[in-house]
Amino acid sequence: MKNALTLNQNRDFLRLYRKGQSLVSPVLVTYARRNGSKARRVGITATKKIGGAVQRNRAKRLIRAAWQQAEATVPMGWDIVFVARGRTTAAKMPQVLDAMSHHLRRLTSPQPKKK
């Protein structure tokens, strides 16, 4: 997370869950929303549904490693939260990176204006 700030306030996570756009895949859930600043902020979370501490930490490590590779594709001014899912712990790095890249492309690309 070289150029990204870390989201660590509960209110920031809750704001993204309520007002952000989301995409779901078997290994990852991604929430994104413009933050109105020139900073890129990211948060990673894994619930107890994932398993014990070892499984949750593995899931977060996989997501963090994928983010390091995909970070350059995300424009500045976005808040992003990645949520690990049950299959994340059994997934390999390319699966997580593919899901993350797909989500980031769809969520942060400019939306066409509706008439």
PDB file of N, CA and C in Angstrom:
ATOM      1  N   MET A   1       0.827  -1.167   0.000  1.00  0.00           N
ATOM      2  CA  MET A   1       0.000   0.000   0.000  1.00  0.00           C
ATOM      3  C   MET A   1       0.878   1.239   0.000  1.00  0.00           C
ATOM      4  N   LYS A   2       1.640   1.374  -1.048  1.00  0.00           N
ATOM      5  CA  LYS A   2       2.605   2.460  -1.137  1.00  0.00           C
ATOM      6  C   LYS A   2       1.947   3.831  -1.152  1.00  0.00           C
ATOM      7  N   ASN A   3       1.018   4.048  -2.072  1.00  0.00           N
ATOM      8  CA  ASN A   3       0.447   5.369  -2.246  1.00  0.00           C
ATOM      9  C   ASN A   3      -0.951   5.495  -1.663  1.00  0.00           C
ATOM     10  N   ALA A   4      -1.387   4.524  -0.927  1.00  0.00           N
ATOM     11  CA  ALA A   4      -2.736   4.548  -0.373  1.00  0.00           C
ATOM     12  C   ALA A   4      -2.668   4.728   1.141  1.00  0.00           C
ATOM     13  N   LEU A   5      -3.611   5.484   1.634  1.00  0.00           N
ATOM     14  CA  LEU A   5      -3.775   5.606   3.071  1.00  0.00           C
ATOM     15  C   LEU A   5      -4.631   4.444   3.549  1.00  0.00           C
ATOM     16  N   THR A   6      -4.521   4.103   4.815  1.00  0.00           N
ATOM     17  CA  THR A   6      -5.268   2.985   5.354  1.00  0.00           C
ATOM     18  C   THR A   6      -6.552   3.474   6.009  1.00  0.00           C
ATOM     19  N   LEU A   7      -7.658   2.833   5.662  1.00  0.00           N
ATOM     20  CA  LEU A   7      -8.923   3.092   6.354  1.00  0.00           C
ATOM     21  C   LEU A   7      -8.905   2.286   7.643  1.00  0.00           C
ATOM     22  N   ASN A   8      -9.099   2.949   8.770  1.00  0.00           N
ATOM     23  CA  ASN A   8      -9.121   2.200  10.021  1.00  0.00           C
ATOM     24  C   ASN A   8     -10.199   2.690  10.975  1.00  0.00           C
ATOM     25  N   GLN A   9     -11.000   3.650  10.566  1.00  0.00           N
ATOM     26  CA  GLN A   9     -12.102   4.123  11.396  1.00  0.00           C
ATOM     27  C   GLN A   9     -13.378   3.369  11.026  1.00  0.00           C
ATOM     28  N   ASN A  10     -14.088   2.886  12.013  1.00  0.00           N
ATOM     29  CA  ASN A  10     -15.307   2.131  11.777  1.00  0.00           C
ATOM     30  C   ASN A  10     -16.318   2.935  10.959  1.00  0.00           C
ATOM     31  N   ARG A  11     -16.400   4.236  11.213  1.00  0.00           N
ATOM     32  CA  ARG A  11     -17.367   5.061  10.479  1.00  0.00           C
ATOM     33  C   ARG A  11     -17.067   5.098   8.987  1.00  0.00           C
ATOM     34  N   ASP A  12     -15.784   5.031   8.605  1.00  0.00           N
ATOM     35  CA  ASP A  12     -15.427   5.009   7.183  1.00  0.00           C
ATOM     36  C   ASP A  12     -15.874   3.706   6.523  1.00  0.00           C
ATOM     37  N   PHE A  13     -15.699   2.592   7.221  1.00  0.00           N
ATOM     38  CA  PHE A  13     -16.152   1.308   6.703  1.00  0.00           C
ATOM     39  C   PHE A  13     -17.674   1.314   6.554  1.00  0.00           C
ATOM     40  N   LEU A  14     -18.368   1.778   7.593  1.00  0.00           N
ATOM     41  CA  LEU A  14     -19.831   1.791   7.569  1.00  0.00           C
ATOM     42  C   LEU A  14     -20.370   2.686   6.456  1.00  0.00           C
ATOM     43  N   ARG A  15     -19.716   3.814   6.214  1.00  0.00           N
ATOM     44  CA  ARG A  15     -20.143   4.715   5.137  1.00  0.00           C
ATOM     45  C   ARG A  15     -20.031   4.014   3.778  1.00  0.00           C
ATOM     46  N   LEU A  16     -18.949   3.286   3.586  1.00  0.00           N
ATOM     47  CA  LEU A  16     -18.793   2.559   2.324  1.00  0.00           C
ATOM     48  C   LEU A  16     -19.819   1.431   2.198  1.00  0.00           C
ATOM     49  N   TYR A  17     -20.082   0.730   3.285  1.00  0.00           N
ATOM     50  CA  TYR A  17     -21.069  -0.351   3.233  1.00  0.00           C
ATOM     51  C   TYR A  17     -22.452   0.186   2.873  1.00  0.00           C
ATOM     52  N   ARG A  18     -22.791   1.379   3.409  1.00  0.00           N
ATOM     53  CA  ARG A  18     -24.118   1.942   3.168  1.00  0.00           C
ATOM     54  C   ARG A  18     -24.226   2.665   1.836  1.00  0.00           C
ATOM     55  N   LYS A  19     -23.246   3.500   1.512  1.00  0.00           N
ATOM     56  CA  LYS A  19     -23.383   4.395   0.369  1.00  0.00           C
ATOM     57  C   LYS A  19     -22.510   4.044  -0.829  1.00  0.00           C
ATOM     58  N   GLY A  20     -21.572   3.128  -0.660  1.00  0.00           N
ATOM     59  CA  GLY A  20     -20.677   2.792  -1.753  1.00  0.00           C
ATOM     60  C   GLY A  20     -21.286   1.776  -2.709  1.00  0.00           C
ATOM     61  N   GLN A  21     -20.698   1.696  -3.880  1.00  0.00           N
ATOM     62  CA  GLN A  21     -21.086   0.660  -4.838  1.00  0.00           C
ATOM     63  C   GLN A  21     -20.316  -0.600  -4.483  1.00  0.00           C
ATOM     64  N   SER A  22     -20.895  -1.756  -4.785  1.00  0.00           N
ATOM     65  CA  SER A  22     -20.217  -2.998  -4.433  1.00  0.00           C
ATOM     66  C   SER A  22     -20.301  -4.004  -5.560  1.00  0.00           C
ATOM     67  N   LEU A  23     -19.324  -4.885  -5.578  1.00  0.00           N
ATOM     68  CA  LEU A  23     -19.307  -6.033  -6.476  1.00  0.00           C
ATOM     69  C   LEU A  23     -18.888  -7.251  -5.671  1.00  0.00           C
ATOM     70  N   VAL A  24     -19.450  -8.396  -6.039  1.00  0.00           N
ATOM     71  CA  VAL A  24     -19.205  -9.623  -5.291  1.00  0.00           C
ATOM     72  C   VAL A  24     -18.667 -10.689  -6.228  1.00  0.00           C
ATOM     73  N   SER A  25     -17.685 -11.430  -5.758  1.00  0.00           N
ATOM     74  CA  SER A  25     -17.192 -12.621  -6.451  1.00  0.00           C
ATOM     75  C   SER A  25     -17.026 -13.711  -5.394  1.00  0.00           C
ATOM     76  N   PRO A  26     -16.767 -14.939  -5.800  1.00  0.00           N
ATOM     77  CA  PRO A  26     -16.636 -16.004  -4.791  1.00  0.00           C
ATOM     78  C   PRO A  26     -15.494 -15.794  -3.793  1.00  0.00           C
ATOM     79  N   VAL A  27     -14.470 -15.033  -4.174  1.00  0.00           N
ATOM     80  CA  VAL A  27     -13.325 -14.871  -3.275  1.00  0.00           C
ATOM     81  C   VAL A  27     -13.207 -13.487  -2.658  1.00  0.00           C
ATOM     82  N   LEU A  28     -14.039 -12.530  -3.096  1.00  0.00           N
ATOM     83  CA  LEU A  28     -13.825 -11.158  -2.658  1.00  0.00           C
ATOM     84  C   LEU A  28     -15.089 -10.323  -2.833  1.00  0.00           C
ATOM     85  N   VAL A  29     -15.324  -9.412  -1.883  1.00  0.00           N
ATOM     86  CA  VAL A  29     -16.356  -8.389  -2.019  1.00  0.00           C
ATOM     87  C   VAL A  29     -15.623  -7.048  -2.005  1.00  0.00           C
ATOM     88  N   THR A  30     -15.979  -6.168  -2.937  1.00  0.00           N
ATOM     89  CA  THR A  30     -15.326  -4.875  -3.038  1.00  0.00           C
ATOM     90  C   THR A  30     -16.364  -3.767  -2.944  1.00  0.00           C
ATOM     91  N   TYR A  31     -16.097  -2.791  -2.075  1.00  0.00           N
ATOM     92  CA  TYR A  31     -16.927  -1.595  -1.955  1.00  0.00           C
ATOM     93  C   TYR A  31     -16.061  -0.410  -2.370  1.00  0.00           C
ATOM     94  N   ALA A  32     -16.639   0.506  -3.162  1.00  0.00           N
ATOM     95  CA  ALA A  32     -15.881   1.677  -3.587  1.00  0.00           C
ATOM     96  C   ALA A  32     -16.783   2.904  -3.618  1.00  0.00           C
ATOM     97  N   ARG A  33     -16.160   4.046  -3.340  1.00  0.00           N
ATOM     98  CA  ARG A  33     -16.880   5.312  -3.354  1.00  0.00           C
ATOM     99  C   ARG A  33     -15.861   6.437  -3.473  1.00  0.00           C
ATOM    100  N   ARG A  34     -16.226   7.463  -4.218  1.00  0.00           N
ATOM    101  CA  ARG A  34     -15.349   8.639  -4.295  1.00  0.00           C
ATOM    102  C   ARG A  34     -15.283   9.288  -2.917  1.00  0.00           C
ATOM    103  N   ASN A  35     -14.087   9.790  -2.562  1.00  0.00           N
ATOM    104  CA  ASN A  35     -13.945  10.357  -1.224  1.00  0.00           C
ATOM    105  C   ASN A  35     -13.814  11.874  -1.211  1.00  0.00           C
ATOM    106  N   GLY A  36     -13.789  12.525  -2.367  1.00  0.00           N
ATOM    107  CA  GLY A  36     -13.755  13.978  -2.404  1.00  0.00           C
ATOM    108  C   GLY A  36     -12.402  14.587  -2.093  1.00  0.00           C
ATOM    109  N   SER A  37     -11.376  13.780  -1.978  1.00  0.00           N
ATOM    110  CA  SER A  37     -10.028  14.300  -1.749  1.00  0.00           C
ATOM    111  C   SER A  37      -9.117  13.745  -2.836  1.00  0.00           C
ATOM    112  N   LYS A  38      -7.854  14.078  -2.743  1.00  0.00           N
ATOM    113  CA  LYS A  38      -6.905  13.590  -3.739  1.00  0.00           C
ATOM    114  C   LYS A  38      -6.164  12.356  -3.242  1.00  0.00           C
ATOM    115  N   ALA A  39      -6.669  11.751  -2.196  1.00  0.00           N
ATOM    116  CA  ALA A  39      -6.018  10.581  -1.613  1.00  0.00           C
ATOM    117  C   ALA A  39      -6.771   9.312  -1.980  1.00  0.00           C
ATOM    118  N   ARG A  40      -6.037   8.250  -2.099  1.00  0.00           N
ATOM    119  CA  ARG A  40      -6.609   6.922  -2.319  1.00  0.00           C
ATOM    120  C   ARG A  40      -6.523   6.207  -0.974  1.00  0.00           C
ATOM    121  N   ARG A  41      -7.687   5.737  -0.462  1.00  0.00           N
ATOM    122  CA  ARG A  41      -7.704   5.074   0.842  1.00  0.00           C
ATOM    123  C   ARG A  41      -8.248   3.664   0.675  1.00  0.00           C
ATOM    124  N   VAL A  42      -7.665   2.717   1.395  1.00  0.00           N
ATOM    125  CA  VAL A  42      -8.079   1.321   1.263  1.00  0.00           C
ATOM    126  C   VAL A  42      -8.175   0.674   2.646  1.00  0.00           C
ATOM    127  N   GLY A  43      -9.154  -0.229   2.772  1.00  0.00           N
ATOM    128  CA  GLY A  43      -9.328  -0.997   3.992  1.00  0.00           C
ATOM    129  C   GLY A  43      -9.537  -2.458   3.634  1.00  0.00           C
ATOM    130  N   ILE A  44      -9.063  -3.346   4.473  1.00  0.00           N
ATOM    131  CA  ILE A  44      -9.194  -4.793   4.251  1.00  0.00           C
ATOM    132  C   ILE A  44      -9.770  -5.396   5.519  1.00  0.00           C
ATOM    133  N   THR A  45     -10.778  -6.252   5.354  1.00  0.00           N
ATOM    134  CA  THR A  45     -11.400  -6.853   6.516  1.00  0.00           C
ATOM    135  C   THR A  45     -11.751  -8.313   6.253  1.00  0.00           C
ATOM    136  N   ALA A  46     -11.793  -9.076   7.320  1.00  0.00           N
ATOM    137  CA  ALA A  46     -12.196 -10.481   7.265  1.00  0.00           C
ATOM    138  C   ALA A  46     -12.972 -10.779   8.547  1.00  0.00           C
ATOM    139  N   THR A  47     -14.171 -11.311   8.407  1.00  0.00           N
ATOM    140  CA  THR A  47     -15.001 -11.577   9.573  1.00  0.00           C
ATOM    141  C   THR A  47     -14.670 -12.934  10.185  1.00  0.00           C
ATOM    142  N   LYS A  48     -15.242 -13.189  11.343  1.00  0.00           N
ATOM    143  CA  LYS A  48     -15.006 -14.476  12.003  1.00  0.00           C
ATOM    144  C   LYS A  48     -15.643 -15.639  11.255  1.00  0.00           C
ATOM    145  N   LYS A  49     -16.538 -15.346  10.314  1.00  0.00           N
ATOM    146  CA  LYS A  49     -17.131 -16.402   9.494  1.00  0.00           C
ATOM    147  C   LYS A  49     -16.067 -17.100   8.649  1.00  0.00           C
ATOM    148  N   ILE A  50     -14.969 -16.403   8.377  1.00  0.00           N
ATOM    149  CA  ILE A  50     -13.889 -16.942   7.554  1.00  0.00           C
ATOM    150  C   ILE A  50     -13.216 -18.109   8.261  1.00  0.00           C
ATOM    151  N   GLY A  51     -13.084 -18.017   9.555  1.00  0.00           N
ATOM    152  CA  GLY A  51     -12.411 -19.058  10.319  1.00  0.00           C
ATOM    153  C   GLY A  51     -11.636 -18.442  11.463  1.00  0.00           C
ATOM    154  N   GLY A  52     -10.652 -19.179  11.929  1.00  0.00           N
ATOM    155  CA  GLY A  52      -9.832 -18.697  13.032  1.00  0.00           C
ATOM    156  C   GLY A  52      -8.870 -17.609  12.583  1.00  0.00           C
ATOM    157  N   ALA A  53      -8.046 -17.172  13.510  1.00  0.00           N
ATOM    158  CA  ALA A  53      -7.126 -16.078  13.235  1.00  0.00           C
ATOM    159  C   ALA A  53      -6.162 -16.407  12.099  1.00  0.00           C
ATOM    160  N   VAL A  54      -5.718 -17.644  12.017  1.00  0.00           N
ATOM    161  CA  VAL A  54      -4.778 -18.029  10.960  1.00  0.00           C
ATOM    162  C   VAL A  54      -5.428 -17.879   9.591  1.00  0.00           C
ATOM    163  N   GLN A  55      -6.655 -18.340   9.426  1.00  0.00           N
ATOM    164  CA  GLN A  55      -7.350 -18.226   8.151  1.00  0.00           C
ATOM    165  C   GLN A  55      -7.647 -16.761   7.803  1.00  0.00           C
ATOM    166  N   ARG A  56      -8.073 -15.993   8.784  1.00  0.00           N
ATOM    167  CA  ARG A  56      -8.365 -14.572   8.526  1.00  0.00           C
ATOM    168  C   ARG A  56      -7.109 -13.820   8.112  1.00  0.00           C
ATOM    169  N   ASN A  57      -6.002 -14.091   8.793  1.00  0.00           N
ATOM    170  CA  ASN A  57      -4.753 -13.418   8.444  1.00  0.00           C
ATOM    171  C   ASN A  57      -4.258 -13.830   7.069  1.00  0.00           C
ATOM    172  N   ARG A  58      -4.423 -15.104   6.702  1.00  0.00           N
ATOM    173  CA  ARG A  58      -4.035 -15.546   5.361  1.00  0.00           C
ATOM    174  C   ARG A  58      -4.866 -14.823   4.313  1.00  0.00           C
ATOM    175  N   ALA A  59      -6.168 -14.716   4.538  1.00  0.00           N
ATOM    176  CA  ALA A  59      -7.047 -14.034   3.594  1.00  0.00           C
ATOM    177  C   ALA A  59      -6.628 -12.574   3.433  1.00  0.00           C
ATOM    178  N   LYS A  60      -6.340 -11.906   4.534  1.00  0.00           N
ATOM    179  CA  LYS A  60      -5.933 -10.501   4.456  1.00  0.00           C
ATOM    180  C   LYS A  60      -4.582 -10.347   3.768  1.00  0.00           C
ATOM    181  N   ARG A  61      -3.663 -11.290   3.999  1.00  0.00           N
ATOM    182  CA  ARG A  61      -2.361 -11.239   3.311  1.00  0.00           C
ATOM    183  C   ARG A  61      -2.527 -11.389   1.804  1.00  0.00           C
ATOM    184  N   LEU A  62      -3.397 -12.315   1.384  1.00  0.00           N
ATOM    185  CA  LEU A  62      -3.653 -12.493  -0.050  1.00  0.00           C
ATOM    186  C   LEU A  62      -4.226 -11.220  -0.670  1.00  0.00           C
ATOM    187  N   ILE A  63      -5.187 -10.624   0.004  1.00  0.00           N
ATOM    188  CA  ILE A  63      -5.812  -9.404  -0.514  1.00  0.00           C
ATOM    189  C   ILE A  63      -4.792  -8.267  -0.552  1.00  0.00           C
ATOM    190  N   ARG A  64      -3.977  -8.143   0.488  1.00  0.00           N
ATOM    191  CA  ARG A  64      -2.965  -7.089   0.535  1.00  0.00           C
ATOM    192  C   ARG A  64      -1.947  -7.250  -0.599  1.00  0.00           C
ATOM    193  N   ALA A  65      -1.525  -8.495  -0.865  1.00  0.00           N
ATOM    194  CA  ALA A  65      -0.564  -8.746  -1.947  1.00  0.00           C
ATOM    195  C   ALA A  65      -1.185  -8.429  -3.306  1.00  0.00           C
ATOM    196  N   ALA A  66      -2.443  -8.785  -3.494  1.00  0.00           N
ATOM    197  CA  ALA A  66      -3.119  -8.470  -4.755  1.00  0.00           C
ATOM    198  C   ALA A  66      -3.266  -6.961  -4.913  1.00  0.00           C
ATOM    199  N   TRP A  67      -3.570  -6.258  -3.825  1.00  0.00           N
ATOM    200  CA  TRP A  67      -3.719  -4.806  -3.883  1.00  0.00           C
ATOM    201  C   TRP A  67      -2.399  -4.141  -4.303  1.00  0.00           C
ATOM    202  N   GLN A  68      -1.272  -4.638  -3.817  1.00  0.00           N
ATOM    203  CA  GLN A  68       0.020  -4.058  -4.187  1.00  0.00           C
ATOM    204  C   GLN A  68       0.229  -4.100  -5.699  1.00  0.00           C
ATOM    205  N   GLN A  69      -0.269  -5.136  -6.355  1.00  0.00           N
ATOM    206  CA  GLN A  69      -0.116  -5.244  -7.798  1.00  0.00           C
ATOM    207  C   GLN A  69      -1.165  -4.434  -8.549  1.00  0.00           C
ATOM    208  N   ALA A  70      -2.359  -4.284  -7.992  1.00  0.00           N
ATOM    209  CA  ALA A  70      -3.456  -3.612  -8.694  1.00  0.00           C
ATOM    210  C   ALA A  70      -3.577  -2.133  -8.333  1.00  0.00           C
ATOM    211  N   GLU A  71      -2.844  -1.676  -7.347  1.00  0.00           N
ATOM    212  CA  GLU A  71      -3.003  -0.317  -6.840  1.00  0.00           C
ATOM    213  C   GLU A  71      -2.792   0.746  -7.917  1.00  0.00           C
ATOM    214  N   ALA A  72      -1.857   0.541  -8.796  1.00  0.00           N
ATOM    215  CA  ALA A  72      -1.528   1.552  -9.809  1.00  0.00           C
ATOM    216  C   ALA A  72      -2.678   1.803 -10.782  1.00  0.00           C
ATOM    217  N   THR A  73      -3.613   0.862 -10.900  1.00  0.00           N
ATOM    218  CA  THR A  73      -4.715   1.020 -11.848  1.00  0.00           C
ATOM    219  C   THR A  73      -5.869   1.847 -11.290  1.00  0.00           C
ATOM    220  N   VAL A  74      -5.843   2.133 -10.002  1.00  0.00           N
ATOM    221  CA  VAL A  74      -6.944   2.856  -9.364  1.00  0.00           C
ATOM    222  C   VAL A  74      -6.615   4.347  -9.335  1.00  0.00           C
ATOM    223  N   PRO A  75      -7.513   5.189  -9.846  1.00  0.00           N
ATOM    224  CA  PRO A  75      -7.252   6.623  -9.797  1.00  0.00           C
ATOM    225  C   PRO A  75      -7.326   7.147  -8.368  1.00  0.00           C
ATOM    226  N   MET A  76      -6.710   8.285  -8.159  1.00  0.00           N
ATOM    227  CA  MET A  76      -6.745   8.913  -6.841  1.00  0.00           C
ATOM    228  C   MET A  76      -8.166   9.407  -6.553  1.00  0.00           C
ATOM    229  N   GLY A  77      -8.489   9.567  -5.277  1.00  0.00           N
ATOM    230  CA  GLY A  77      -9.784  10.107  -4.889  1.00  0.00           C
ATOM    231  C   GLY A  77     -10.846   9.050  -4.637  1.00  0.00           C
ATOM    232  N   TRP A  78     -10.443   7.829  -4.323  1.00  0.00           N
ATOM    233  CA  TRP A  78     -11.393   6.744  -4.067  1.00  0.00           C
ATOM    234  C   TRP A  78     -11.135   6.123  -2.711  1.00  0.00           C
ATOM    235  N   ASP A  79     -12.232   5.736  -2.036  1.00  0.00           N
ATOM    236  CA  ASP A  79     -12.173   4.888  -0.845  1.00  0.00           C
ATOM    237  C   ASP A  79     -12.572   3.492  -1.287  1.00  0.00           C
ATOM    238  N   ILE A  80     -11.794   2.495  -0.898  1.00  0.00           N
ATOM    239  CA  ILE A  80     -12.065   1.115  -1.304  1.00  0.00           C
ATOM    240  C   ILE A  80     -11.937   0.219  -0.087  1.00  0.00           C
ATOM    241  N   VAL A  81     -12.898  -0.687   0.068  1.00  0.00           N
ATOM    242  CA  VAL A  81     -12.837  -1.695   1.126  1.00  0.00           C
ATOM    243  C   VAL A  81     -12.962  -3.066   0.472  1.00  0.00           C
ATOM    244  N   PHE A  82     -12.052  -3.959   0.838  1.00  0.00           N
ATOM    245  CA  PHE A  82     -12.091  -5.341   0.380  1.00  0.00           C
ATOM    246  C   PHE A  82     -12.488  -6.221   1.555  1.00  0.00           C
ATOM    247  N   VAL A  83     -13.460  -7.099   1.328  1.00  0.00           N
ATOM    248  CA  VAL A  83     -13.926  -8.004   2.373  1.00  0.00           C
ATOM    249  C   VAL A  83     -13.639  -9.429   1.915  1.00  0.00           C
ATOM    250  N   ALA A  84     -12.935 -10.178   2.738  1.00  0.00           N
ATOM    251  CA  ALA A  84     -12.624 -11.569   2.425  1.00  0.00           C
ATOM    252  C   ALA A  84     -13.892 -12.408   2.538  1.00  0.00           C
ATOM    253  N   ARG A  85     -13.959 -13.453   1.719  1.00  0.00           N
ATOM    254  CA  ARG A  85     -15.080 -14.382   1.790  1.00  0.00           C
ATOM    255  C   ARG A  85     -14.560 -15.758   2.180  1.00  0.00           C
ATOM    256  N   GLY A  86     -15.450 -16.702   2.348  1.00  0.00           N
ATOM    257  CA  GLY A  86     -15.074 -18.041   2.787  1.00  0.00           C
ATOM    258  C   GLY A  86     -14.065 -18.727   1.886  1.00  0.00           C
ATOM    259  N   ARG A  87     -14.168 -18.505   0.597  1.00  0.00           N
ATOM    260  CA  ARG A  87     -13.260 -19.164  -0.353  1.00  0.00           C
ATOM    261  C   ARG A  87     -11.911 -18.461  -0.476  1.00  0.00           C
ATOM    262  N   THR A  88     -11.770 -17.320   0.122  1.00  0.00           N
ATOM    263  CA  THR A  88     -10.519 -16.567  -0.010  1.00  0.00           C
ATOM    264  C   THR A  88      -9.348 -17.340   0.568  1.00  0.00           C
ATOM    265  N   THR A  89      -9.552 -18.026   1.671  1.00  0.00           N
ATOM    266  CA  THR A  89      -8.438 -18.725   2.316  1.00  0.00           C
ATOM    267  C   THR A  89      -7.915 -19.876   1.470  1.00  0.00           C
ATOM    268  N   ALA A  90      -8.777 -20.478   0.644  1.00  0.00           N
ATOM    269  CA  ALA A  90      -8.347 -21.588  -0.206  1.00  0.00           C
ATOM    270  C   ALA A  90      -7.901 -21.117  -1.588  1.00  0.00           C
ATOM    271  N   ALA A  91      -8.101 -19.841  -1.890  1.00  0.00           N
ATOM    272  CA  ALA A  91      -7.779 -19.313  -3.209  1.00  0.00           C
ATOM    273  C   ALA A  91      -6.277 -19.088  -3.364  1.00  0.00           C
ATOM    274  N   LYS A  92      -5.838 -19.078  -4.600  1.00  0.00           N
ATOM    275  CA  LYS A  92      -4.460 -18.741  -4.922  1.00  0.00           C
ATOM    276  C   LYS A  92      -4.398 -17.264  -5.306  1.00  0.00           C
ATOM    277  N   MET A  93      -3.224 -16.710  -5.271  1.00  0.00           N
ATOM    278  CA  MET A  93      -3.021 -15.294  -5.554  1.00  0.00           C
ATOM    279  C   MET A  93      -3.606 -14.853  -6.905  1.00  0.00           C
ATOM    280  N   PRO A  94      -3.415 -15.588  -8.009  1.00  0.00           N
ATOM    281  CA  PRO A  94      -3.975 -15.133  -9.294  1.00  0.00           C
ATOM    282  C   PRO A  94      -5.502 -15.013  -9.280  1.00  0.00           C
ATOM    283  N   GLN A  95      -6.187 -15.878  -8.547  1.00  0.00           N
ATOM    284  CA  GLN A  95      -7.642 -15.796  -8.464  1.00  0.00           C
ATOM    285  C   GLN A  95      -8.073 -14.508  -7.775  1.00  0.00           C
ATOM    286  N   VAL A  96      -7.421 -14.181  -6.680  1.00  0.00           N
ATOM    287  CA  VAL A  96      -7.764 -12.967  -5.932  1.00  0.00           C
ATOM    288  C   VAL A  96      -7.426 -11.737  -6.770  1.00  0.00           C
ATOM    289  N   LEU A  97      -6.291 -11.749  -7.447  1.00  0.00           N
ATOM    290  CA  LEU A  97      -5.890 -10.615  -8.273  1.00  0.00           C
ATOM    291  C   LEU A  97      -6.849 -10.416  -9.441  1.00  0.00           C
ATOM    292  N   ASP A  98      -7.274 -11.495 -10.079  1.00  0.00           N
ATOM    293  CA  ASP A  98      -8.229 -11.382 -11.189  1.00  0.00           C
ATOM    294  C   ASP A  98      -9.551 -10.780 -10.716  1.00  0.00           C
ATOM    295  N   ALA A  99     -10.066 -11.283  -9.601  1.00  0.00           N
ATOM    296  CA  ALA A  99     -11.328 -10.760  -9.059  1.00  0.00           C
ATOM    297  C   ALA A  99     -11.179  -9.289  -8.692  1.00  0.00           C
ATOM    298  N   MET A 100     -10.078  -8.949  -8.044  1.00  0.00           N
ATOM    299  CA  MET A 100      -9.856  -7.568  -7.630  1.00  0.00           C
ATOM    300  C   MET A 100      -9.729  -6.644  -8.839  1.00  0.00           C
ATOM    301  N   SER A 101      -8.983  -7.039  -9.837  1.00  0.00           N
ATOM    302  CA  SER A 101      -8.805  -6.214 -11.031  1.00  0.00           C
ATOM    303  C   SER A 101     -10.134  -5.984 -11.733  1.00  0.00           C
ATOM    304  N   HIS A 102     -10.934  -7.041 -11.840  1.00  0.00           N
ATOM    305  CA  HIS A 102     -12.247  -6.922 -12.467  1.00  0.00           C
ATOM    306  C   HIS A 102     -13.130  -5.941 -11.690  1.00  0.00           C
ATOM    307  N   HIS A 103     -13.167  -6.083 -10.385  1.00  0.00           N
ATOM    308  CA  HIS A 103     -13.980  -5.199  -9.547  1.00  0.00           C
ATOM    309  C   HIS A 103     -13.520  -3.751  -9.670  1.00  0.00           C
ATOM    310  N   LEU A 104     -12.220  -3.528  -9.598  1.00  0.00           N
ATOM    311  CA  LEU A 104     -11.704  -2.165  -9.639  1.00  0.00           C
ATOM    312  C   LEU A 104     -11.971  -1.507 -10.980  1.00  0.00           C
ATOM    313  N   ARG A 105     -11.842  -2.268 -12.060  1.00  0.00           N
ATOM    314  CA  ARG A 105     -12.143  -1.722 -13.387  1.00  0.00           C
ATOM    315  C   ARG A 105     -13.595  -1.270 -13.473  1.00  0.00           C
ATOM    316  N   ARG A 106     -14.500  -2.107 -12.991  1.00  0.00           N
ATOM    317  CA  ARG A 106     -15.928  -1.794 -13.095  1.00  0.00           C
ATOM    318  C   ARG A 106     -16.349  -0.679 -12.152  1.00  0.00           C
ATOM    319  N   LEU A 107     -15.785  -0.634 -10.955  1.00  0.00           N
ATOM    320  CA  LEU A 107     -16.230   0.351  -9.968  1.00  0.00           C
ATOM    321  C   LEU A 107     -15.609   1.730 -10.161  1.00  0.00           C
ATOM    322  N   THR A 108     -14.374   1.814 -10.611  1.00  0.00           N
ATOM    323  CA  THR A 108     -13.707   3.111 -10.684  1.00  0.00           C
ATOM    324  C   THR A 108     -13.659   3.692 -12.086  1.00  0.00           C
ATOM    325  N   SER A 109     -14.203   2.988 -13.059  1.00  0.00           N
ATOM    326  CA  SER A 109     -14.223   3.558 -14.405  1.00  0.00           C
ATOM    327  C   SER A 109     -15.287   4.639 -14.467  1.00  0.00           C
ATOM    328  N   PRO A 110     -15.078   5.648 -15.298  1.00  0.00           N
ATOM    329  CA  PRO A 110     -16.082   6.710 -15.407  1.00  0.00           C
ATOM    330  C   PRO A 110     -17.409   6.162 -15.923  1.00  0.00           C
ATOM    331  N   GLN A 111     -18.467   6.503 -15.236  1.00  0.00           N
ATOM    332  CA  GLN A 111     -19.809   6.026 -15.620  1.00  0.00           C
ATOM    333  C   GLN A 111     -20.387   6.951 -16.674  1.00  0.00           C
ATOM    334  N   PRO A 112     -21.010   6.398 -17.727  1.00  0.00           N
ATOM    335  CA  PRO A 112     -21.641   7.267 -18.720  1.00  0.00           C
ATOM    336  C   PRO A 112     -22.831   8.005 -18.090  1.00  0.00           C
ATOM    337  N   LYS A 113     -23.033   9.246 -18.505  1.00  0.00           N
ATOM    338  CA  LYS A 113     -24.121  10.046 -17.958  1.00  0.00           C
ATOM    339  C   LYS A 113     -25.443   9.576 -18.522  1.00  0.00           C
ATOM    340  N   LYS A 114     -26.436   9.435 -17.642  1.00  0.00           N
ATOM    341  CA  LYS A 114     -27.766   9.019 -18.072  1.00  0.00           C
ATOM    342  C   LYS A 114     -28.590  10.244 -18.458  1.00  0.00           C
ATOM    343  N   LYS A 115     -29.412  10.091 -19.455  1.00  0.00           N
ATOM    344  CA  LYS A 115     -30.268  11.207 -19.910  1.00  0.00           C
ATOM    345  C   LYS A 115     -31.585  11.189 -19.219  1.00  0.00           C
TER     346      LYS A 115
END
